């Protein structure tokens, strides 16, 4: 049996919410997955010491089959540029396989929104509520396949605003 603090025996992300070895530095990170979409809530400062755990969490989401990830940064006061770069790379990996990628939740006009806007993560979709960000990911993930087009092509077209959803 695996270590209950890591949740590895249940294929949960390693060390999320664990106080065991404090891999997140001064941040508290919690994640939940439902319907192929992962919600990650960050409280505190996501600084350089958290980069390894942050990378592991996002890699877990990708290899664990998540179709999209919503990162709620409303409780995060500081995010390291390395962590922002990791978000961009992870979103790119999801999009390469035809999935929606990563959505960010930030308070409009906040210092966090300005920091993200000045970084390589500025292209990631931003929302003011987690519910809105999650709905966006689910809409793309559950869009029916158009005749003659693979799922991934249709999803990419919708993400770019070129596709039409069939009802």
C-alpha atoms as a PDB file:
ATOM      1  CA  UNK A   1       0.000   0.000   0.000  1.00  0.00           C
ATOM      2  CA  UNK A   2       1.277   3.468  -0.898  1.00  0.00           C
ATOM      3  CA  UNK A   3       1.791   6.491   1.266  1.00  0.00           C
ATOM      4  CA  UNK A   4      -1.607   7.988   2.105  1.00  0.00           C
ATOM      5  CA  UNK A   5      -0.192  11.528   2.066  1.00  0.00           C
ATOM      6  CA  UNK A   6       0.716  11.240  -1.607  1.00  0.00           C
ATOM      7  CA  UNK A   7      -2.406   9.400  -2.740  1.00  0.00           C
ATOM      8  CA  UNK A   8      -0.333   7.475  -5.274  1.00  0.00           C
ATOM      9  CA  UNK A   9      -2.251   4.244  -4.767  1.00  0.00           C
ATOM     10  CA  UNK A  10      -5.317   6.047  -6.166  1.00  0.00           C
ATOM     11  CA  UNK A  11      -3.416   7.695  -9.057  1.00  0.00           C
ATOM     12  CA  UNK A  12      -3.809  11.170  -7.640  1.00  0.00           C
ATOM     13  CA  UNK A  13      -1.228  13.883  -8.199  1.00  0.00           C
ATOM     14  CA  UNK A  14       1.801  13.441  -5.967  1.00  0.00           C
ATOM     15  CA  UNK A  15       1.919  15.441  -2.754  1.00  0.00           C
ATOM     16  CA  UNK A  16      -0.953  17.798  -3.536  1.00  0.00           C
ATOM     17  CA  UNK A  17      -2.272  19.242  -0.309  1.00  0.00           C
ATOM     18  CA  UNK A  18       0.261  17.252   1.687  1.00  0.00           C
ATOM     19  CA  UNK A  19       2.071  18.709   4.651  1.00  0.00           C
ATOM     20  CA  UNK A  20       4.534  15.798   4.590  1.00  0.00           C
ATOM     21  CA  UNK A  21       7.587  17.443   3.025  1.00  0.00           C
ATOM     22  CA  UNK A  22       6.187  20.879   2.088  1.00  0.00           C
ATOM     23  CA  UNK A  23       7.032  20.553  -1.631  1.00  0.00           C
ATOM     24  CA  UNK A  24       5.025  23.687  -2.448  1.00  0.00           C
ATOM     25  CA  UNK A  25       7.080  26.112  -0.354  1.00  0.00           C
ATOM     26  CA  UNK A  26       4.726  28.832   0.859  1.00  0.00           C
ATOM     27  CA  UNK A  27       1.815  27.775  -1.387  1.00  0.00           C
ATOM     28  CA  UNK A  28      -1.102  25.489  -0.752  1.00  0.00           C
ATOM     29  CA  UNK A  29      -2.262  23.635  -3.863  1.00  0.00           C
ATOM     30  CA  UNK A  30      -5.387  21.481  -4.124  1.00  0.00           C
ATOM     31  CA  UNK A  31      -6.648  19.677  -7.204  1.00  0.00           C
ATOM     32  CA  UNK A  32      -9.775  17.791  -8.201  1.00  0.00           C
ATOM     33  CA  UNK A  33     -10.647  16.009 -11.424  1.00  0.00           C
ATOM     34  CA  UNK A  34     -14.121  15.319 -12.770  1.00  0.00           C
ATOM     35  CA  UNK A  35     -15.189  14.383 -16.265  1.00  0.00           C
ATOM     36  CA  UNK A  36     -11.639  14.639 -17.597  1.00  0.00           C
ATOM     37  CA  UNK A  37     -11.236  18.250 -16.439  1.00  0.00           C
ATOM     38  CA  UNK A  38      -8.906  19.164 -13.576  1.00  0.00           C
ATOM     39  CA  UNK A  39      -9.392  22.147 -11.272  1.00  0.00           C
ATOM     40  CA  UNK A  40      -6.270  23.361  -9.443  1.00  0.00           C
ATOM     41  CA  UNK A  41      -6.662  25.972  -6.699  1.00  0.00           C
ATOM     42  CA  UNK A  42      -3.571  27.840  -5.534  1.00  0.00           C
ATOM     43  CA  UNK A  43      -3.303  29.815  -2.272  1.00  0.00           C
ATOM     44  CA  UNK A  44      -0.181  31.714  -1.215  1.00  0.00           C
ATOM     45  CA  UNK A  45       2.980  32.144  -3.269  1.00  0.00           C
ATOM     46  CA  UNK A  46       3.859  29.783  -6.103  1.00  0.00           C
ATOM     47  CA  UNK A  47       7.570  30.548  -6.079  1.00  0.00           C
ATOM     48  CA  UNK A  48      10.722  28.903  -7.454  1.00  0.00           C
ATOM     49  CA  UNK A  49      10.897  26.125  -4.801  1.00  0.00           C
ATOM     50  CA  UNK A  50       7.458  24.937  -5.959  1.00  0.00           C
ATOM     51  CA  UNK A  51       8.504  24.560  -9.619  1.00  0.00           C
ATOM     52  CA  UNK A  52       9.274  20.832  -9.419  1.00  0.00           C
ATOM     53  CA  UNK A  53       5.951  19.983  -7.737  1.00  0.00           C
ATOM     54  CA  UNK A  54       4.108  22.298 -10.144  1.00  0.00           C
ATOM     55  CA  UNK A  55       5.673  20.552 -13.138  1.00  0.00           C
ATOM     56  CA  UNK A  56       4.830  17.118 -11.692  1.00  0.00           C
ATOM     57  CA  UNK A  57       1.214  18.134 -11.108  1.00  0.00           C
ATOM     58  CA  UNK A  58       0.752  19.386 -14.670  1.00  0.00           C
ATOM     59  CA  UNK A  59       2.526  16.343 -16.131  1.00  0.00           C
ATOM     60  CA  UNK A  60       0.228  14.134 -14.070  1.00  0.00           C
ATOM     61  CA  UNK A  61      -2.794  15.935 -15.499  1.00  0.00           C
ATOM     62  CA  UNK A  62      -1.568  15.387 -19.054  1.00  0.00           C
ATOM     63  CA  UNK A  63      -0.511  11.754 -18.672  1.00  0.00           C
ATOM     64  CA  UNK A  64      -3.533  10.981 -16.476  1.00  0.00           C
ATOM     65  CA  UNK A  65      -5.895  11.812 -19.325  1.00  0.00           C
ATOM     66  CA  UNK A  66      -7.166  15.270 -18.376  1.00  0.00           C
ATOM     67  CA  UNK A  67      -8.609  17.020 -21.425  1.00  0.00           C
ATOM     68  CA  UNK A  68      -8.291  20.443 -19.839  1.00  0.00           C
ATOM     69  CA  UNK A  69      -7.052  22.151 -16.692  1.00  0.00           C
ATOM     70  CA  UNK A  70      -8.407  25.215 -14.917  1.00  0.00           C
ATOM     71  CA  UNK A  71      -5.894  26.962 -12.654  1.00  0.00           C
ATOM     72  CA  UNK A  72      -7.511  29.242 -10.058  1.00  0.00           C
ATOM     73  CA  UNK A  73      -4.929  31.889  -9.145  1.00  0.00           C
ATOM     74  CA  UNK A  74      -7.266  34.235  -7.242  1.00  0.00           C
ATOM     75  CA  UNK A  75      -5.697  33.204  -3.926  1.00  0.00           C
ATOM     76  CA  UNK A  76      -2.142  33.268  -5.275  1.00  0.00           C
ATOM     77  CA  UNK A  77      -0.174  36.408  -4.474  1.00  0.00           C
ATOM     78  CA  UNK A  78       2.984  35.579  -6.433  1.00  0.00           C
ATOM     79  CA  UNK A  79       3.784  33.178  -9.257  1.00  0.00           C
ATOM     80  CA  UNK A  80       7.317  32.455 -10.432  1.00  0.00           C
ATOM     81  CA  UNK A  81       8.094  32.942 -14.133  1.00  0.00           C
ATOM     82  CA  UNK A  82       9.232  29.305 -14.311  1.00  0.00           C
ATOM     83  CA  UNK A  83       5.798  28.192 -13.094  1.00  0.00           C
ATOM     84  CA  UNK A  84       4.129  30.418 -15.709  1.00  0.00           C
ATOM     85  CA  UNK A  85       6.340  28.950 -18.440  1.00  0.00           C
ATOM     86  CA  UNK A  86       5.404  25.456 -17.289  1.00  0.00           C
ATOM     87  CA  UNK A  87       1.717  26.401 -17.700  1.00  0.00           C
ATOM     88  CA  UNK A  88       2.336  27.477 -21.291  1.00  0.00           C
ATOM     89  CA  UNK A  89       4.207  24.267 -22.133  1.00  0.00           C
ATOM     90  CA  UNK A  90       1.549  22.062 -20.502  1.00  0.00           C
ATOM     91  CA  UNK A  91      -1.257  23.881 -22.322  1.00  0.00           C
ATOM     92  CA  UNK A  92       0.609  23.408 -25.595  1.00  0.00           C
ATOM     93  CA  UNK A  93       0.934  19.680 -24.968  1.00  0.00           C
ATOM     94  CA  UNK A  94      -2.811  19.386 -24.325  1.00  0.00           C
ATOM     95  CA  UNK A  95      -3.658  21.400 -27.435  1.00  0.00           C
ATOM     96  CA  UNK A  96      -1.286  19.331 -29.598  1.00  0.00           C
ATOM     97  CA  UNK A  97      -3.427  16.291 -28.933  1.00  0.00           C
ATOM     98  CA  UNK A  98      -6.629  18.222 -29.679  1.00  0.00           C
ATOM     99  CA  UNK A  99      -7.681  19.059 -26.137  1.00  0.00           C
ATOM    100  CA  UNK A 100      -8.660  22.566 -24.971  1.00  0.00           C
ATOM    101  CA  UNK A 101      -5.560  23.232 -22.849  1.00  0.00           C
ATOM    102  CA  UNK A 102      -5.330  25.360 -19.711  1.00  0.00           C
ATOM    103  CA  UNK A 103      -7.644  28.144 -18.543  1.00  0.00           C
ATOM    104  CA  UNK A 104      -6.638  30.621 -15.839  1.00  0.00           C
ATOM    105  CA  UNK A 105      -8.901  32.187 -13.211  1.00  0.00           C
ATOM    106  CA  UNK A 106      -7.773  35.584 -11.930  1.00  0.00           C
ATOM    107  CA  UNK A 107      -9.326  38.620 -10.315  1.00  0.00           C
ATOM    108  CA  UNK A 108      -9.815  41.255 -13.035  1.00  0.00           C
ATOM    109  CA  UNK A 109      -7.367  44.140 -12.677  1.00  0.00           C
ATOM    110  CA  UNK A 110      -5.249  42.299 -10.089  1.00  0.00           C
ATOM    111  CA  UNK A 111      -1.470  42.266  -9.879  1.00  0.00           C
ATOM    112  CA  UNK A 112      -1.646  38.576 -10.857  1.00  0.00           C
ATOM    113  CA  UNK A 113      -3.561  39.392 -14.035  1.00  0.00           C
ATOM    114  CA  UNK A 114      -0.943  42.038 -14.916  1.00  0.00           C
ATOM    115  CA  UNK A 115       1.920  39.587 -14.215  1.00  0.00           C
ATOM    116  CA  UNK A 116       0.374  36.917 -16.420  1.00  0.00           C
ATOM    117  CA  UNK A 117      -0.321  39.515 -19.128  1.00  0.00           C
ATOM    118  CA  UNK A 118       3.352  40.489 -19.164  1.00  0.00           C
ATOM    119  CA  UNK A 119       4.570  36.886 -19.501  1.00  0.00           C
ATOM    120  CA  UNK A 120       4.536  34.066 -22.027  1.00  0.00           C
ATOM    121  CA  UNK A 121       1.267  32.925 -20.393  1.00  0.00           C
ATOM    122  CA  UNK A 122      -0.640  35.948 -21.742  1.00  0.00           C
ATOM    123  CA  UNK A 123      -2.121  33.760 -24.500  1.00  0.00           C
ATOM    124  CA  UNK A 124      -3.836  31.421 -22.047  1.00  0.00           C
ATOM    125  CA  UNK A 125      -7.571  32.083 -21.726  1.00  0.00           C
ATOM    126  CA  UNK A 126      -8.434  34.019 -18.571  1.00  0.00           C
ATOM    127  CA  UNK A 127     -11.698  34.022 -16.628  1.00  0.00           C
ATOM    128  CA  UNK A 128     -12.998  35.731 -13.502  1.00  0.00           C
ATOM    129  CA  UNK A 129     -14.744  32.613 -12.146  1.00  0.00           C
ATOM    130  CA  UNK A 130     -13.757  28.967 -11.912  1.00  0.00           C
ATOM    131  CA  UNK A 131     -17.233  27.887 -13.018  1.00  0.00           C
ATOM    132  CA  UNK A 132     -16.969  29.842 -16.251  1.00  0.00           C
ATOM    133  CA  UNK A 133     -13.466  28.476 -16.955  1.00  0.00           C
ATOM    134  CA  UNK A 134     -14.552  24.881 -16.294  1.00  0.00           C
ATOM    135  CA  UNK A 135     -17.670  25.226 -18.479  1.00  0.00           C
ATOM    136  CA  UNK A 136     -15.488  26.523 -21.297  1.00  0.00           C
ATOM    137  CA  UNK A 137     -13.256  23.441 -21.124  1.00  0.00           C
ATOM    138  CA  UNK A 138     -16.197  21.046 -20.931  1.00  0.00           C
ATOM    139  CA  UNK A 139     -17.964  22.631 -23.908  1.00  0.00           C
ATOM    140  CA  UNK A 140     -14.939  22.059 -26.118  1.00  0.00           C
ATOM    141  CA  UNK A 141     -14.241  18.589 -24.719  1.00  0.00           C
ATOM    142  CA  UNK A 142     -17.801  17.387 -25.373  1.00  0.00           C
ATOM    143  CA  UNK A 143     -18.342  18.952 -28.771  1.00  0.00           C
ATOM    144  CA  UNK A 144     -19.579  16.199 -31.092  1.00  0.00           C
ATOM    145  CA  UNK A 145     -17.398  15.178 -33.986  1.00  0.00           C
ATOM    146  CA  UNK A 146     -18.361  16.633 -37.341  1.00  0.00           C
ATOM    147  CA  UNK A 147     -18.768  14.164 -40.211  1.00  0.00           C
ATOM    148  CA  UNK A 148     -15.516  13.745 -42.089  1.00  0.00           C
ATOM    149  CA  UNK A 149     -13.381  15.582 -39.511  1.00  0.00           C
ATOM    150  CA  UNK A 150     -11.377  14.077 -36.674  1.00  0.00           C
ATOM    151  CA  UNK A 151     -12.251  15.248 -33.134  1.00  0.00           C
ATOM    152  CA  UNK A 152      -8.980  17.074 -32.704  1.00  0.00           C
ATOM    153  CA  UNK A 153      -9.453  19.174 -35.858  1.00  0.00           C
ATOM    154  CA  UNK A 154     -12.960  20.232 -34.852  1.00  0.00           C
ATOM    155  CA  UNK A 155     -11.793  21.089 -31.332  1.00  0.00           C
ATOM    156  CA  UNK A 156      -8.948  23.209 -32.713  1.00  0.00           C
ATOM    157  CA  UNK A 157     -11.362  25.057 -35.006  1.00  0.00           C
ATOM    158  CA  UNK A 158     -13.713  25.811 -32.108  1.00  0.00           C
ATOM    159  CA  UNK A 159     -10.839  27.001 -29.958  1.00  0.00           C
ATOM    160  CA  UNK A 160      -9.833  29.376 -32.735  1.00  0.00           C
ATOM    161  CA  UNK A 161     -13.454  30.475 -33.224  1.00  0.00           C
ATOM    162  CA  UNK A 162     -13.692  28.891 -36.676  1.00  0.00           C
ATOM    163  CA  UNK A 163     -15.844  25.860 -35.937  1.00  0.00           C
ATOM    164  CA  UNK A 164     -19.571  25.622 -35.552  1.00  0.00           C
ATOM    165  CA  UNK A 165     -21.114  23.501 -32.878  1.00  0.00           C
ATOM    166  CA  UNK A 166     -23.778  21.119 -34.048  1.00  0.00           C
ATOM    167  CA  UNK A 167     -26.911  20.805 -31.964  1.00  0.00           C
END
